[in-house]
Amino acid sequence: CASSVAVSTLHPGALVWAKERNFPWWPARVLRHPGPGMVRVVWLGWTGLPRSSLPAENVLPFDFCRVKWSKRPGGWPKHRHTPSKWKSALDAVGELEAAA
């Protein structure tokens, strides 16, 4: 499902899948581009809206893998709240798409 895309196509506000080391691909929203080849995202579904700066290869447009990854992430982190956070993240995606 994964494929690289040009950073310039990931505009601020875009819904994306983002990958942090040791975590599954997760729904996020692009905030900005802090430097060449980098994308700053806000993670959806988490309290406090945590943010990360990631290499562009760790960020994909949401539609690239919508069907495959929207069911549940591969390799759930071993934390009891992850399934509820996943549902919250997908609910946030639905709200953002409805508002667009």
Protein backbone atom coordinates (compact mmCIF):
# COMPACT_ATOMS: atom_id res chain seq x y z
CA CYS A 1 0.00 0.00 0.00
CA ALA A 2 2.85 2.39 0.81
CA SER A 3 4.36 4.53 -1.90
CA SER A 4 6.44 7.68 -1.75
CA VAL A 5 4.95 11.03 -2.71
CA ALA A 6 6.38 14.49 -3.23
CA VAL A 7 6.38 16.54 -0.03
CA SER A 8 4.84 19.44 -1.95
CA THR A 9 1.63 17.42 -2.45
CA LEU A 10 1.18 17.15 1.34
CA HIS A 11 -0.23 20.63 1.93
CA PRO A 12 -1.10 21.98 5.42
CA GLY A 13 -4.46 20.63 6.53
CA ALA A 14 -4.20 17.46 4.42
CA LEU A 15 -5.30 14.19 5.99
CA VAL A 16 -2.47 11.67 5.94
CA TRP A 17 -1.20 8.39 7.31
CA ALA A 18 1.94 9.01 9.32
CA LYS A 19 4.47 6.58 10.80
CA GLU A 20 6.47 7.19 13.94
CA ARG A 21 9.19 4.71 14.88
CA ASN A 22 7.80 1.74 16.89
CA PHE A 23 4.17 2.67 16.14
CA PRO A 24 1.75 1.64 13.37
CA TRP A 25 0.73 3.94 10.52
CA TRP A 26 -1.76 6.34 12.13
CA PRO A 27 -4.21 9.04 10.90
CA ALA A 28 -2.79 12.55 11.15
CA ARG A 29 -3.14 16.01 9.67
CA VAL A 30 -0.31 18.01 8.08
CA LEU A 31 0.58 21.21 9.94
CA ARG A 32 3.56 22.48 7.94
CA HIS A 33 6.92 21.65 6.38
CA PRO A 34 9.63 22.54 8.93
CA GLY A 35 12.51 21.84 6.56
CA PRO A 36 13.52 20.10 3.35
CA GLY A 37 12.05 16.60 3.22
CA MET A 38 10.24 16.99 6.56
CA VAL A 39 6.54 17.14 7.43
CA ARG A 40 5.09 18.33 10.77
CA VAL A 41 1.87 16.48 11.67
CA VAL A 42 -0.70 16.44 14.46
CA TRP A 43 -1.83 12.95 15.47
CA LEU A 44 -5.61 12.38 15.41
CA GLY A 45 -7.47 10.62 18.20
CA TRP A 46 -5.13 11.55 21.05
CA THR A 47 -5.81 13.96 23.89
CA GLY A 48 -3.71 17.10 23.70
CA LEU A 49 -3.16 16.73 19.93
CA PRO A 50 0.46 15.55 20.03
CA ARG A 51 2.69 16.62 17.16
CA SER A 52 5.74 15.18 15.42
CA SER A 53 8.15 16.20 12.68
CA LEU A 54 8.71 13.25 10.36
CA PRO A 55 10.69 12.48 7.22
CA ALA A 56 8.46 12.79 4.16
CA GLU A 57 8.76 9.05 3.44
CA ASN A 58 6.87 8.42 6.71
CA VAL A 59 3.82 10.37 5.52
CA LEU A 60 1.28 9.28 2.87
CA PRO A 61 -1.97 10.87 1.63
CA PHE A 62 -4.90 9.36 3.54
CA ASP A 63 -6.63 8.04 0.40
CA PHE A 64 -3.58 5.91 -0.53
CA CYS A 65 -4.42 3.26 2.04
CA ARG A 66 -7.89 4.22 3.26
CA VAL A 67 -9.56 0.84 2.70
CA LYS A 68 -6.70 -1.36 3.91
CA TRP A 69 -5.69 0.63 6.99
CA SER A 70 -9.02 2.06 8.17
CA LYS A 71 -10.05 -1.29 9.65
CA ARG A 72 -7.30 -1.47 12.29
CA PRO A 73 -3.60 -0.72 12.35
CA GLY A 74 -1.14 -3.50 11.88
CA GLY A 75 0.96 -4.18 14.93
CA TRP A 76 -1.11 -2.58 17.67
CA PRO A 77 1.14 -1.01 20.29
CA LYS A 78 0.74 -2.93 23.54
CA HIS A 79 -1.40 -0.37 25.31
CA ARG A 80 -4.94 -0.96 26.51
CA HIS A 81 -6.25 2.40 25.22
CA THR A 82 -5.07 1.96 21.62
CA PRO A 83 -8.35 0.54 20.19
CA SER A 84 -10.37 3.48 21.59
CA LYS A 85 -7.76 5.96 20.30
CA TRP A 86 -7.96 4.31 16.87
CA LYS A 87 -11.75 4.76 16.82
CA SER A 88 -11.33 8.39 17.93
CA ALA A 89 -8.78 8.98 15.15
CA LEU A 90 -11.11 7.59 12.45
CA ASP A 91 -14.03 9.59 13.90
CA ALA A 92 -11.86 12.72 13.62
CA VAL A 93 -11.09 11.88 9.98
CA GLY A 94 -14.84 11.61 9.27
CA GLU A 95 -15.51 14.97 10.95
CA LEU A 96 -12.71 16.70 9.04
CA GLU A 97 -13.88 15.26 5.72
CA ALA A 98 -17.50 16.28 6.42
CA ALA A 99 -16.38 19.81 7.22
CA ALA A 100 -14.35 20.12 3.99
